[in-house]
Protein backbone atom coordinates (compact mmCIF):
# COMPACT_ATOMS: atom_id res chain seq x y z
CA MET A 1 67.30 34.98 6.53
CA PRO A 2 69.71 37.61 7.86
CA THR A 3 71.54 36.89 11.05
CA GLN A 4 71.05 39.01 14.11
CA GLU A 5 74.47 40.61 13.51
CA ALA A 6 73.42 41.59 9.98
CA ARG A 7 70.19 43.12 11.24
CA LEU A 8 72.05 45.03 13.94
CA ALA A 9 74.55 46.30 11.38
CA THR A 10 71.70 47.55 9.21
CA ILE A 11 70.04 49.25 12.17
CA SER A 12 73.30 50.83 13.28
CA ARG A 13 73.72 52.38 9.78
CA GLN A 14 70.29 54.00 10.05
CA THR A 15 69.90 57.30 11.76
CA ALA A 16 67.39 57.75 14.57
CA PRO A 17 64.95 59.74 12.37
CA GLU A 18 65.01 56.97 9.74
CA ILE A 19 64.15 54.40 12.41
CA VAL A 20 61.33 56.58 13.74
CA ARG A 21 59.91 57.04 10.21
CA SER A 22 60.12 53.30 9.62
CA VAL A 23 58.27 52.53 12.85
CA ALA A 24 55.64 55.18 12.08
CA ARG A 25 55.08 53.69 8.61
CA SER A 26 54.71 50.25 10.16
CA ALA A 27 52.20 51.53 12.72
CA ALA A 28 50.22 53.36 10.02
CA ALA A 29 50.20 50.26 7.81
CA GLN A 30 49.04 48.09 10.72
CA SER A 31 46.30 50.57 11.51
CA GLU A 32 45.17 50.52 7.87
CA VAL A 33 45.22 46.70 7.85
CA ASN A 34 43.09 46.57 11.01
CA GLY A 35 40.57 48.97 9.50
CA LEU A 36 40.43 47.08 6.20
CA VAL A 37 39.96 43.72 7.93
CA ALA A 38 37.09 45.15 9.99
CA GLU A 39 35.50 46.63 6.86
CA TYR A 40 35.97 43.33 5.00
CA GLU A 41 34.28 41.36 7.79
CA HIS A 42 31.39 43.85 7.90
CA MET A 43 30.85 43.53 4.14
CA VAL A 44 30.93 39.73 4.26
CA GLU A 45 28.33 39.77 7.04
CA ARG A 46 26.15 42.17 5.03
CA ARG A 47 26.41 39.91 1.99
CA LYS A 48 25.25 36.96 4.12
CA ALA A 49 22.37 39.06 5.45
CA LEU A 50 21.37 39.92 1.89
CA GLN A 51 21.14 36.23 1.05
CA THR A 52 18.87 35.69 4.05
CA GLU A 53 16.75 38.67 2.96
CA LYS A 54 16.46 37.20 -0.55
CA ASP A 55 15.27 33.90 0.89
CA GLU A 56 12.72 35.68 3.08
CA LEU A 57 11.57 37.76 0.13
CA THR A 58 10.95 34.63 -1.92
CA ALA A 59 9.03 33.05 0.96
CA ARG A 60 6.86 36.18 1.22
CA MET A 61 6.05 35.99 -2.48
CA ASP A 62 5.26 32.30 -2.20
CA LYS A 63 2.81 33.09 0.62
CA GLY A 64 1.19 35.82 -1.48
CA GLU A 65 2.29 38.65 0.83
CA ILE A 66 3.91 40.51 -2.08
CA THR A 67 3.34 40.47 -5.82
CA ALA A 68 5.76 39.06 -8.35
CA GLN A 69 6.49 42.61 -9.51
CA GLN A 70 7.37 43.74 -5.96
CA TRP A 71 9.50 40.61 -5.53
CA ARG A 72 11.38 41.30 -8.78
CA ARG A 73 11.99 44.95 -7.91
CA GLN A 74 13.30 44.14 -4.42
CA LEU A 75 15.32 41.19 -5.70
CA MET A 76 17.02 43.38 -8.33
CA ALA A 77 17.92 45.98 -5.70
CA SER A 78 19.30 43.28 -3.43
CA THR A 79 21.27 41.70 -6.27
CA GLN A 80 22.75 45.08 -7.20
CA GLU A 81 23.82 45.71 -3.60
CA ALA A 82 25.37 42.23 -3.41
CA ALA A 83 27.34 42.91 -6.60
CA GLN A 84 28.63 46.20 -5.19
CA LEU A 85 29.63 44.45 -1.96
CA SER A 86 31.45 41.73 -3.88
CA GLU A 87 33.43 44.35 -5.80
CA LYS A 88 34.34 46.21 -2.61
CA ILE A 89 35.38 42.91 -0.99
CA ARG A 90 37.61 42.19 -4.00
CA VAL A 91 39.24 45.64 -3.79
CA ILE A 92 39.82 45.34 -0.03
CA SER A 93 41.32 41.87 -0.46
CA ALA A 94 43.72 43.20 -3.08
CA ARG A 95 44.72 46.11 -0.84
CA LEU A 96 45.32 43.78 2.11
CA ARG A 97 47.52 41.53 -0.05
CA TRP A 98 49.44 44.60 -1.23
CA LEU A 99 50.00 45.62 2.39
CA GLY A 100 51.37 42.15 3.12
CA TYR A 101 48.46 40.90 5.19
CA SER A 102 48.78 37.16 5.50
CA GLY A 103 45.82 36.47 7.77
CA LEU A 104 42.85 34.33 6.85
CA LEU A 105 39.87 36.20 5.44
CA THR A 106 36.47 34.54 5.75
C-alpha cells in the first residue's frame, strides 16, 4: 500500500482538471452503483413475490378455483418472468463486480 507521501506525490503531479475529472468519474460510478444495487434489490423482491404467486396459484387450482389449463398457462408466464429476472440479476451482478462493488448482495 502506498505511503501518504507517495499518494501526495502522485496528486501533486496531476493537474487540477485531471483531479476534477477523476472525482467526477468516481461520483458517476458511485451513482451508477447505487442505481444498480437498488434495481438488483427490486428484482430480487419481485422474484420472491413470483414464488409466492406460484404457491397461491397452486393452492387455487387445488381448491378448484381455476382449471389445470389456466394454472399451466399462468405458471408458464410466471416461470418465464422469473427466468428473465434471474438473467437481469446475473447481468447486474456482473456489472457491479466490474465497477468494483464489494458490498453484500442478497
